[in-house]
Each structure stands twice: as structure tokens, then as C-alpha cells.
Amino acid sequence: EPETSPNPPTHSLTLLSRADKWCNFHPSVSQSQGCDYDRWNGNRKYTVGVGERFGVSCWSVGKVVSGNNKWDYIPGWGCWISAHWTNNGCE
């Protein structure tokens, strides 16, 4: 079962390997990016700041962002973020 918090407390990090993948932005990302309600329409639900870490439970195909059509789902926030922004191997 996925983590319910995008930033789980330290004591729950031991469960992360059984749940979400621990992700952050790719090193080249220098500003906040959107986490959207879905993978297609760009309706922003949450703005993810540079340096924030978040749990990703799965990925799916969606709208192409700079040549990348993969989107990662963040269950703790209930939104999708383009894999163009996330670190390699996040999906």
C-alpha cells in the first residue's frame, strides 16, 4: 500500500522500500514545478518546490513535456508530475 504522506516521518522511511519510490527533481531543475490533477490537462493541484522529496507509487503515459510522455503519481498529494522533472529511475 502506498505512503499516504508525500513527506513521511523518519520512522516510516523503513517502509518506503515496500511502498513508494523516494524521488526528487532531476539536478537540472532550478524552479518549482506543478503536480497536476491528471496527466493530460495541466490543471495544477500542488506546486512542488526544488529540494522537496516525494513518494511515487507508479507511472503512466500522459501529455508530452519536452519529449517525455511519462508521468509519476504522488499518492500523498493525489497528483501527477511529469517524469521530465523527476530524477532518473524515479518511475
N, C-alpha and C. Protein backbone atom coordinates (compact mmCIF):
# COMPACT_ATOMS: atom_id res chain seq x y z
N GLU A 1 0.86 -1.17 0.00
CA GLU A 1 0.00 0.00 0.00
C GLU A 1 0.90 1.24 0.00
N PRO A 2 0.61 2.24 -0.82
CA PRO A 2 1.48 3.41 -0.92
C PRO A 2 1.46 4.28 0.33
N GLU A 3 2.54 5.03 0.51
CA GLU A 3 2.59 6.01 1.59
C GLU A 3 1.44 6.99 1.42
N THR A 4 0.91 7.49 2.51
CA THR A 4 -0.17 8.47 2.42
C THR A 4 0.35 9.89 2.57
N SER A 5 1.60 10.03 2.95
CA SER A 5 2.19 11.36 3.10
C SER A 5 3.30 11.55 2.07
N PRO A 6 3.34 12.71 1.40
CA PRO A 6 4.42 12.94 0.46
C PRO A 6 5.77 13.11 1.15
N ASN A 7 5.75 13.48 2.42
CA ASN A 7 6.96 13.65 3.22
C ASN A 7 6.79 12.88 4.53
N PRO A 8 6.95 11.55 4.50
CA PRO A 8 6.69 10.75 5.68
C PRO A 8 7.69 11.02 6.80
N PRO A 9 7.27 10.82 8.06
CA PRO A 9 8.19 11.00 9.18
C PRO A 9 9.32 9.97 9.12
N THR A 10 10.42 10.29 9.77
CA THR A 10 11.61 9.46 9.72
C THR A 10 11.33 8.00 10.06
N HIS A 11 10.52 7.74 11.09
CA HIS A 11 10.28 6.35 11.49
C HIS A 11 9.55 5.54 10.43
N SER A 12 8.89 6.18 9.50
CA SER A 12 8.18 5.44 8.46
C SER A 12 9.02 5.23 7.20
N LEU A 13 10.21 5.81 7.15
CA LEU A 13 11.05 5.66 5.96
C LEU A 13 11.47 4.22 5.73
N THR A 14 11.50 3.41 6.78
CA THR A 14 11.85 2.00 6.61
C THR A 14 10.80 1.26 5.79
N LEU A 15 9.59 1.77 5.73
CA LEU A 15 8.53 1.15 4.94
C LEU A 15 8.57 1.58 3.48
N LEU A 16 9.35 2.60 3.18
CA LEU A 16 9.35 3.17 1.84
C LEU A 16 9.72 2.15 0.77
N SER A 17 10.68 1.29 1.05
CA SER A 17 11.10 0.33 0.04
C SER A 17 9.96 -0.62 -0.33
N ARG A 18 9.00 -0.79 0.55
CA ARG A 18 7.87 -1.67 0.26
C ARG A 18 6.72 -0.89 -0.36
N ALA A 19 6.84 0.41 -0.43
CA ALA A 19 5.73 1.23 -0.90
C ALA A 19 6.20 2.09 -2.08
N ASP A 20 6.21 3.38 -1.86
CA ASP A 20 6.57 4.32 -2.91
C ASP A 20 8.08 4.37 -3.12
N LYS A 21 8.46 4.87 -4.28
CA LYS A 21 9.87 5.20 -4.52
C LYS A 21 10.10 6.61 -4.02
N TRP A 22 11.23 6.82 -3.40
CA TRP A 22 11.60 8.14 -2.87
C TRP A 22 12.21 8.93 -4.02
N CYS A 23 11.59 10.03 -4.40
CA CYS A 23 12.02 10.79 -5.57
C CYS A 23 12.22 12.26 -5.25
N ASN A 24 12.88 12.93 -6.17
CA ASN A 24 13.04 14.38 -6.13
C ASN A 24 13.25 14.86 -7.56
N PHE A 25 13.54 16.13 -7.73
CA PHE A 25 13.74 16.66 -9.07
C PHE A 25 15.10 16.26 -9.63
N HIS A 26 15.16 16.18 -10.94
CA HIS A 26 16.42 15.98 -11.65
C HIS A 26 17.33 17.17 -11.30
N PRO A 27 18.64 16.96 -11.19
CA PRO A 27 19.55 18.05 -10.79
C PRO A 27 19.48 19.31 -11.66
N SER A 28 19.04 19.19 -12.90
CA SER A 28 19.00 20.37 -13.77
C SER A 28 17.78 21.26 -13.52
N VAL A 29 16.83 20.80 -12.70
CA VAL A 29 15.62 21.59 -12.42
C VAL A 29 15.96 22.66 -11.39
N SER A 30 15.69 23.92 -11.73
CA SER A 30 16.07 25.02 -10.84
C SER A 30 14.88 25.80 -10.29
N GLN A 31 13.66 25.43 -10.66
CA GLN A 31 12.50 26.13 -10.12
C GLN A 31 11.34 25.15 -9.88
N SER A 32 10.38 25.59 -9.08
CA SER A 32 9.23 24.76 -8.73
C SER A 32 8.50 24.29 -9.98
N GLN A 33 7.86 23.12 -9.86
CA GLN A 33 7.10 22.54 -10.97
C GLN A 33 5.73 22.09 -10.45
N GLY A 34 4.80 21.93 -11.36
CA GLY A 34 3.44 21.58 -10.99
C GLY A 34 3.20 20.10 -10.86
N CYS A 35 2.34 19.76 -9.92
CA CYS A 35 1.81 18.42 -9.77
C CYS A 35 0.32 18.56 -10.09
N ASP A 36 -0.14 17.85 -11.12
CA ASP A 36 -1.45 18.09 -11.70
C ASP A 36 -2.50 17.05 -11.30
N TYR A 37 -3.76 17.44 -11.40
CA TYR A 37 -4.87 16.53 -11.10
C TYR A 37 -4.86 15.31 -12.01
N ASP A 38 -4.45 15.49 -13.26
CA ASP A 38 -4.38 14.36 -14.19
C ASP A 38 -3.16 14.54 -15.10
N ARG A 39 -2.95 13.59 -15.99
CA ARG A 39 -1.76 13.60 -16.85
C ARG A 39 -1.97 14.31 -18.17
N TRP A 40 -3.13 14.89 -18.39
CA TRP A 40 -3.45 15.41 -19.72
C TRP A 40 -3.75 16.90 -19.80
N ASN A 41 -4.35 17.49 -18.79
CA ASN A 41 -4.91 18.83 -18.92
C ASN A 41 -4.13 19.96 -18.27
N GLY A 42 -3.10 19.67 -17.50
CA GLY A 42 -2.30 20.72 -16.88
C GLY A 42 -3.01 21.49 -15.78
N ASN A 43 -4.04 20.89 -15.18
CA ASN A 43 -4.73 21.55 -14.07
C ASN A 43 -3.94 21.31 -12.79
N ARG A 44 -3.29 22.37 -12.30
CA ARG A 44 -2.39 22.30 -11.16
C ARG A 44 -3.12 22.00 -9.86
N LYS A 45 -2.62 21.01 -9.11
CA LYS A 45 -3.16 20.72 -7.78
C LYS A 45 -2.19 21.20 -6.71
N TYR A 46 -0.90 21.06 -6.98
CA TYR A 46 0.13 21.36 -5.98
C TYR A 46 1.38 21.83 -6.72
N THR A 47 2.11 22.73 -6.11
CA THR A 47 3.39 23.17 -6.67
C THR A 47 4.50 22.54 -5.84
N VAL A 48 5.36 21.79 -6.49
CA VAL A 48 6.46 21.09 -5.83
C VAL A 48 7.70 21.98 -5.90
N GLY A 49 8.26 22.28 -4.74
CA GLY A 49 9.44 23.13 -4.67
C GLY A 49 10.73 22.36 -4.91
N VAL A 50 11.73 23.07 -5.40
CA VAL A 50 13.05 22.48 -5.58
C VAL A 50 13.55 22.03 -4.20
N GLY A 51 14.07 20.83 -4.12
CA GLY A 51 14.56 20.30 -2.86
C GLY A 51 13.55 19.44 -2.11
N GLU A 52 12.28 19.49 -2.50
CA GLU A 52 11.27 18.63 -1.86
C GLU A 52 11.45 17.20 -2.33
N ARG A 53 11.24 16.25 -1.42
CA ARG A 53 11.24 14.84 -1.77
C ARG A 53 9.81 14.35 -1.69
N PHE A 54 9.49 13.32 -2.46
CA PHE A 54 8.12 12.83 -2.50
C PHE A 54 8.12 11.35 -2.89
N GLY A 55 7.08 10.66 -2.46
CA GLY A 55 6.91 9.25 -2.78
C GLY A 55 6.12 9.07 -4.06
N VAL A 56 6.63 8.24 -4.96
CA VAL A 56 5.94 7.94 -6.22
C VAL A 56 5.57 6.46 -6.22
N SER A 57 4.30 6.17 -6.52
CA SER A 57 3.86 4.77 -6.48
C SER A 57 3.82 4.10 -7.84
N CYS A 58 3.68 4.88 -8.92
CA CYS A 58 3.60 4.28 -10.25
C CYS A 58 3.79 5.38 -11.30
N TRP A 59 3.81 4.98 -12.55
CA TRP A 59 3.87 5.95 -13.64
C TRP A 59 2.88 5.55 -14.71
N SER A 60 2.56 6.49 -15.58
CA SER A 60 1.65 6.25 -16.68
C SER A 60 2.00 7.20 -17.82
N VAL A 61 1.48 6.92 -18.98
CA VAL A 61 1.67 7.78 -20.14
C VAL A 61 0.70 8.95 -20.05
N GLY A 62 1.16 10.12 -20.46
CA GLY A 62 0.32 11.32 -20.46
C GLY A 62 0.81 12.32 -21.49
N LYS A 63 0.42 13.56 -21.30
CA LYS A 63 0.80 14.65 -22.20
C LYS A 63 2.33 14.76 -22.27
N VAL A 64 2.85 14.97 -23.46
CA VAL A 64 4.29 15.07 -23.67
C VAL A 64 4.81 16.41 -23.14
N VAL A 65 5.86 16.34 -22.30
CA VAL A 65 6.53 17.52 -21.78
C VAL A 65 8.00 17.42 -22.20
N SER A 66 8.41 18.30 -23.08
CA SER A 66 9.80 18.33 -23.59
C SER A 66 10.26 16.95 -24.07
N GLY A 67 9.41 16.27 -24.82
CA GLY A 67 9.76 14.97 -25.40
C GLY A 67 9.53 13.78 -24.49
N ASN A 68 9.05 13.99 -23.28
CA ASN A 68 8.84 12.90 -22.32
C ASN A 68 7.34 12.74 -22.05
N ASN A 69 6.79 11.53 -22.25
CA ASN A 69 5.36 11.31 -22.02
C ASN A 69 5.06 10.53 -20.75
N LYS A 70 6.06 10.27 -19.92
CA LYS A 70 5.84 9.56 -18.65
C LYS A 70 5.45 10.54 -17.56
N TRP A 71 4.51 10.11 -16.72
CA TRP A 71 4.07 10.90 -15.57
C TRP A 71 4.11 10.02 -14.34
N ASP A 72 4.62 10.56 -13.24
CA ASP A 72 4.72 9.84 -11.97
C ASP A 72 3.57 10.24 -11.06
N TYR A 73 2.98 9.25 -10.38
CA TYR A 73 1.86 9.53 -9.47
C TYR A 73 2.36 9.65 -8.04
N ILE A 74 2.00 10.76 -7.38
CA ILE A 74 2.37 11.01 -5.98
C ILE A 74 1.12 10.82 -5.14
N PRO A 75 0.95 9.64 -4.52
CA PRO A 75 -0.29 9.36 -3.79
C PRO A 75 -0.51 10.26 -2.58
N GLY A 76 0.56 10.71 -1.95
CA GLY A 76 0.41 11.57 -0.77
C GLY A 76 -0.24 12.90 -1.09
N TRP A 77 -0.06 13.37 -2.30
CA TRP A 77 -0.67 14.63 -2.73
C TRP A 77 -1.82 14.38 -3.70
N GLY A 78 -1.96 13.13 -4.16
CA GLY A 78 -3.04 12.80 -5.09
C GLY A 78 -2.91 13.50 -6.42
N CYS A 79 -1.66 13.58 -6.94
CA CYS A 79 -1.46 14.29 -8.20
C CYS A 79 -0.35 13.64 -9.02
N TRP A 80 -0.23 14.09 -10.25
CA TRP A 80 0.73 13.57 -11.22
C TRP A 80 1.77 14.64 -11.56
N ILE A 81 3.04 14.22 -11.68
CA ILE A 81 4.10 15.14 -12.09
C ILE A 81 4.83 14.54 -13.28
N SER A 82 5.18 15.38 -14.23
CA SER A 82 5.88 14.89 -15.42
C SER A 82 7.23 14.30 -15.02
N ALA A 83 7.53 13.13 -15.57
CA ALA A 83 8.82 12.49 -15.31
C ALA A 83 9.97 13.28 -15.95
N HIS A 84 9.64 14.25 -16.77
CA HIS A 84 10.67 15.14 -17.32
C HIS A 84 11.39 15.87 -16.18
N TRP A 85 10.70 16.12 -15.09
CA TRP A 85 11.25 16.89 -13.97
C TRP A 85 11.89 16.01 -12.89
N THR A 86 11.53 14.73 -12.81
CA THR A 86 11.98 13.89 -11.69
C THR A 86 13.32 13.22 -11.98
N ASN A 87 13.98 12.79 -10.90
CA ASN A 87 15.29 12.16 -11.03
C ASN A 87 15.19 10.85 -11.83
N ASN A 88 16.30 10.49 -12.48
CA ASN A 88 16.35 9.25 -13.25
C ASN A 88 16.05 8.06 -12.34
N GLY A 89 15.24 7.12 -12.83
CA GLY A 89 14.91 5.94 -12.06
C GLY A 89 13.74 6.12 -11.12
N CYS A 90 13.16 7.30 -11.09
CA CYS A 90 12.03 7.55 -10.21
C CYS A 90 10.85 6.66 -10.56
N GLU A 91 10.60 6.48 -11.85
CA GLU A 91 9.50 5.63 -12.24
C GLU A 91 9.87 4.19 -11.98
